[in-house]
Amino acid sequence: MHPRTPIKREAHQATDASQASAATISLSQGFTMLDLLIAATIMSIVISYALTEIVHAQTAALRHRAAQEFSTYLERARNDSIRRHATDPRQMARITILSNHSYSVAIDANGDGVIDAPVMVNMAEQKVVLGDPAPRTVMFDWLGRTVDSHLNVTQEPSVQVRNNSGTSLINVSDITQSSATQNFAVSSSRK
């Protein structure tokens, strides 16, 4: 055997180990530009998705809040007509849809027995639209039923409250045959 062979082999192995160690050190010292670009792309996708969902949730909340407010006014108007035992159409509580962005509420808010001046509600700031033809009046008699100006009981269609996040339906007349109870349930759907 040649006496130099083991030394050369050991020297060669040491050189390979130092090169591998140097490669490991250079990789562990930082990120490459490609690594940073991939990380930035993933982060921008996650952030844009989160922002989109937050905006969608806010617009849905605005729509739901507007529908709840309209539903609450319907309940207050109905209860007011029942409380005051309103038999004259001029004294019946009512909600009038004036346009696709506004409506008025005429009730006896101060409890003196007389309908107060109508309160105007503008929905333009909430960025929602009433999806029904205007003008339209929902009036309640002394039994809490929806009636027209000639005191004929009416079956009112649902009121739609819409924006770009979906539609909420307010069921105005869900009168059962045996009683004059109303159901003002608000249901929502997403586009």
Protein backbone atom coordinates (compact mmCIF):
# COMPACT_ATOMS: atom_id res chain seq x y z
CA MET A 1 0.00 0.00 0.00
CA HIS A 2 1.05 3.42 -0.67
CA PRO A 3 1.61 5.49 2.53
CA ARG A 4 0.16 8.73 1.04
CA THR A 5 -3.20 7.30 0.01
CA PRO A 6 -4.94 7.50 3.43
CA ILE A 7 -3.76 11.08 3.90
CA LYS A 8 -5.05 12.17 0.48
CA ARG A 9 -8.36 10.49 1.14
CA GLU A 10 -8.67 12.21 4.55
CA ALA A 11 -7.69 15.56 3.07
CA HIS A 12 -10.21 15.14 0.29
CA GLN A 13 -12.95 14.25 2.81
CA ALA A 14 -12.07 17.26 4.93
CA THR A 15 -12.30 19.53 1.88
CA ASP A 16 -15.75 18.10 0.98
CA ALA A 17 -16.94 18.61 4.57
CA SER A 18 -15.73 22.22 4.67
CA GLN A 19 -17.46 22.97 1.35
CA ALA A 20 -20.69 21.42 2.63
CA SER A 21 -20.34 23.40 5.84
CA ALA A 22 -19.77 26.61 3.85
CA ALA A 23 -22.86 25.91 1.73
CA THR A 24 -24.92 25.32 4.86
CA ILE A 25 -23.68 28.56 6.38
CA SER A 26 -24.51 30.61 3.28
CA LEU A 27 -28.04 29.15 3.10
CA SER A 28 -28.72 29.73 6.77
CA GLN A 29 -27.44 33.30 6.75
CA GLY A 30 -30.65 34.71 5.17
CA PHE A 31 -33.45 34.46 2.66
CA THR A 32 -32.99 34.62 -1.05
CA MET A 33 -34.88 37.19 -3.09
CA LEU A 34 -37.18 34.45 -4.36
CA ASP A 35 -38.03 33.40 -0.78
CA LEU A 36 -38.92 37.00 0.11
CA LEU A 37 -41.02 37.43 -3.05
CA ILE A 38 -42.99 34.25 -2.33
CA ALA A 39 -43.57 35.27 1.29
CA ALA A 40 -44.70 38.78 0.24
CA THR A 41 -47.10 37.33 -2.34
CA ILE A 42 -48.66 34.95 0.17
CA MET A 43 -49.00 37.74 2.74
CA SER A 44 -50.66 40.09 0.23
CA ILE A 45 -53.17 37.38 -0.75
CA VAL A 46 -54.05 36.68 2.87
CA ILE A 47 -54.38 40.38 3.72
CA SER A 48 -56.53 41.17 0.67
CA TYR A 49 -58.83 38.23 1.46
CA ALA A 50 -59.16 39.35 5.08
CA LEU A 51 -59.92 42.94 4.07
CA THR A 52 -62.53 41.78 1.55
CA GLU A 53 -64.26 39.68 4.20
CA ILE A 54 -64.20 42.55 6.70
CA VAL A 55 -65.76 44.97 4.19
CA HIS A 56 -68.39 42.37 3.23
CA ALA A 57 -69.23 41.79 6.89
CA GLN A 58 -69.58 45.53 7.48
CA THR A 59 -71.95 45.99 4.52
CA ALA A 60 -73.99 42.99 5.62
CA ALA A 61 -74.19 44.45 9.13
CA LEU A 62 -75.36 47.80 7.73
CA ARG A 63 -78.09 46.05 5.73
CA HIS A 64 -79.18 43.94 8.67
CA ARG A 65 -79.24 46.99 10.97
CA ALA A 66 -81.41 48.93 8.47
CA ALA A 67 -83.80 45.97 8.13
CA GLN A 68 -84.02 45.61 11.92
CA GLU A 69 -84.75 49.33 12.29
CA PHE A 70 -87.54 49.14 9.68
CA SER A 71 -88.94 46.03 11.39
CA THR A 72 -88.87 47.76 14.77
CA TYR A 73 -90.78 50.74 13.35
CA LEU A 74 -93.38 48.33 11.95
CA GLU A 75 -93.82 46.74 15.38
CA ARG A 76 -94.06 50.15 17.08
CA ALA A 77 -96.64 51.36 14.55
CA ARG A 78 -98.75 48.25 14.96
CA ASN A 79 -98.59 48.39 18.76
CA ASP A 80 -99.43 52.11 18.71
CA SER A 81 -102.61 51.57 16.67
CA ILE A 82 -103.67 48.75 18.99
CA ARG A 83 -102.89 50.80 22.13
CA ARG A 84 -104.85 53.83 20.93
CA HIS A 85 -107.67 51.68 19.47
CA ALA A 86 -107.34 53.62 16.18
CA THR A 87 -110.45 53.27 13.99
CA ASP A 88 -110.10 56.42 11.85
CA PRO A 89 -107.56 56.06 9.01
CA ARG A 90 -106.20 59.53 9.86
CA GLN A 91 -105.32 58.30 13.37
CA MET A 92 -103.85 54.93 12.39
CA ALA A 93 -100.11 54.50 12.78
CA ARG A 94 -98.37 54.10 9.46
CA ILE A 95 -95.08 53.73 7.66
CA THR A 96 -94.78 55.24 4.20
CA ILE A 97 -91.98 54.19 1.85
CA LEU A 98 -91.22 57.46 0.06
CA SER A 99 -88.36 56.33 -2.19
CA ASN A 100 -85.86 53.53 -2.41
CA HIS A 101 -83.71 55.41 0.16
CA SER A 102 -86.25 56.88 2.59
CA TYR A 103 -89.44 56.28 4.53
CA SER A 104 -91.53 58.08 7.11
CA VAL A 105 -93.00 56.80 10.37
CA ALA A 106 -96.20 58.33 11.78
CA ILE A 107 -96.99 57.14 15.32
CA ASP A 108 -98.04 58.60 18.67
CA ALA A 109 -94.56 58.63 20.18
CA ASN A 110 -95.35 60.98 23.08
CA GLY A 111 -98.48 59.07 24.19
CA ASP A 112 -100.95 61.96 23.99
CA GLY A 113 -103.38 59.98 21.81
CA VAL A 114 -102.67 61.88 18.59
CA ILE A 115 -100.38 60.89 15.72
CA ASP A 116 -97.21 63.00 15.85
CA ALA A 117 -95.53 64.59 12.85
CA PRO A 118 -93.94 61.84 10.74
CA VAL A 119 -90.31 60.98 11.43
CA MET A 120 -88.24 60.80 8.24
CA VAL A 121 -85.68 58.01 7.98
CA ASN A 122 -83.00 58.36 5.30
CA MET A 123 -81.19 55.14 4.44
CA ALA A 124 -78.70 56.67 1.98
CA GLU A 125 -75.98 56.95 4.66
CA GLN A 126 -76.32 53.23 5.37
CA LYS A 127 -75.85 52.51 1.65
CA VAL A 128 -78.93 50.29 1.48
CA VAL A 129 -81.91 50.36 -0.85
CA LEU A 130 -85.56 49.57 -0.24
CA GLY A 131 -86.39 47.33 -3.18
CA ASP A 132 -90.12 48.02 -3.34
CA PRO A 133 -92.15 50.43 -5.42
CA ALA A 134 -92.63 53.81 -3.81
CA PRO A 135 -94.72 55.44 -2.52
CA ARG A 136 -96.26 52.66 -0.47
CA THR A 137 -98.00 52.95 2.89
CA VAL A 138 -98.37 50.27 5.53
CA MET A 139 -101.15 51.26 7.93
CA PHE A 140 -102.46 49.36 10.99
CA ASP A 141 -106.00 49.28 12.40
CA TRP A 142 -107.08 48.87 16.03
CA LEU A 143 -106.64 45.07 15.77
CA GLY A 144 -103.10 45.39 14.45
CA ARG A 145 -104.03 44.33 10.92
CA THR A 146 -102.65 46.02 7.83
CA VAL A 147 -105.40 48.01 6.11
CA ASP A 148 -105.79 50.43 3.21
CA SER A 149 -107.31 53.93 3.46
CA HIS A 150 -110.82 52.45 3.06
CA LEU A 151 -110.25 50.12 6.06
CA ASN A 152 -110.02 47.02 3.87
CA VAL A 153 -107.65 44.42 5.33
CA THR A 154 -104.64 44.04 3.02
CA GLN A 155 -102.02 41.38 2.56
CA GLU A 156 -98.80 43.38 2.34
CA PRO A 157 -95.87 41.94 0.38
CA SER A 158 -92.46 41.63 2.01
CA VAL A 159 -90.20 44.66 2.08
CA GLN A 160 -86.71 44.17 0.65
CA VAL A 161 -83.64 45.89 2.03
CA ARG A 162 -80.68 45.41 -0.32
CA ASN A 163 -77.06 46.31 -0.77
CA ASN A 164 -74.09 44.70 -2.50
CA SER A 165 -73.76 42.09 0.27
CA GLY A 166 -77.26 40.63 -0.23
CA THR A 167 -80.96 41.10 0.49
CA SER A 168 -82.97 41.11 3.71
CA LEU A 169 -86.71 40.45 3.52
CA ILE A 170 -89.10 41.86 6.10
CA ASN A 171 -92.34 39.91 6.19
CA VAL A 172 -94.96 42.62 6.83
CA SER A 173 -98.13 40.55 6.70
CA ASP A 174 -98.08 37.07 8.04
CA ILE A 175 -101.61 37.20 9.42
CA THR A 176 -103.02 33.89 10.58
CA GLN A 177 -106.68 33.15 9.82
CA SER A 178 -107.67 32.92 13.48
CA SER A 179 -105.92 35.97 14.89
CA ALA A 180 -104.54 39.32 13.86
CA THR A 181 -100.94 38.70 14.90
CA GLN A 182 -98.16 39.99 12.71
CA ASN A 183 -94.77 38.46 12.10
CA PHE A 184 -91.99 40.91 11.34
CA ALA A 185 -89.26 38.35 10.83
CA VAL A 186 -86.18 39.53 9.00
CA SER A 187 -84.52 36.98 6.78
CA SER A 188 -81.29 37.54 4.87
CA SER A 189 -79.71 36.06 1.79
CA ARG A 190 -76.27 36.60 0.33
CA LYS A 191 -75.81 37.29 -3.36
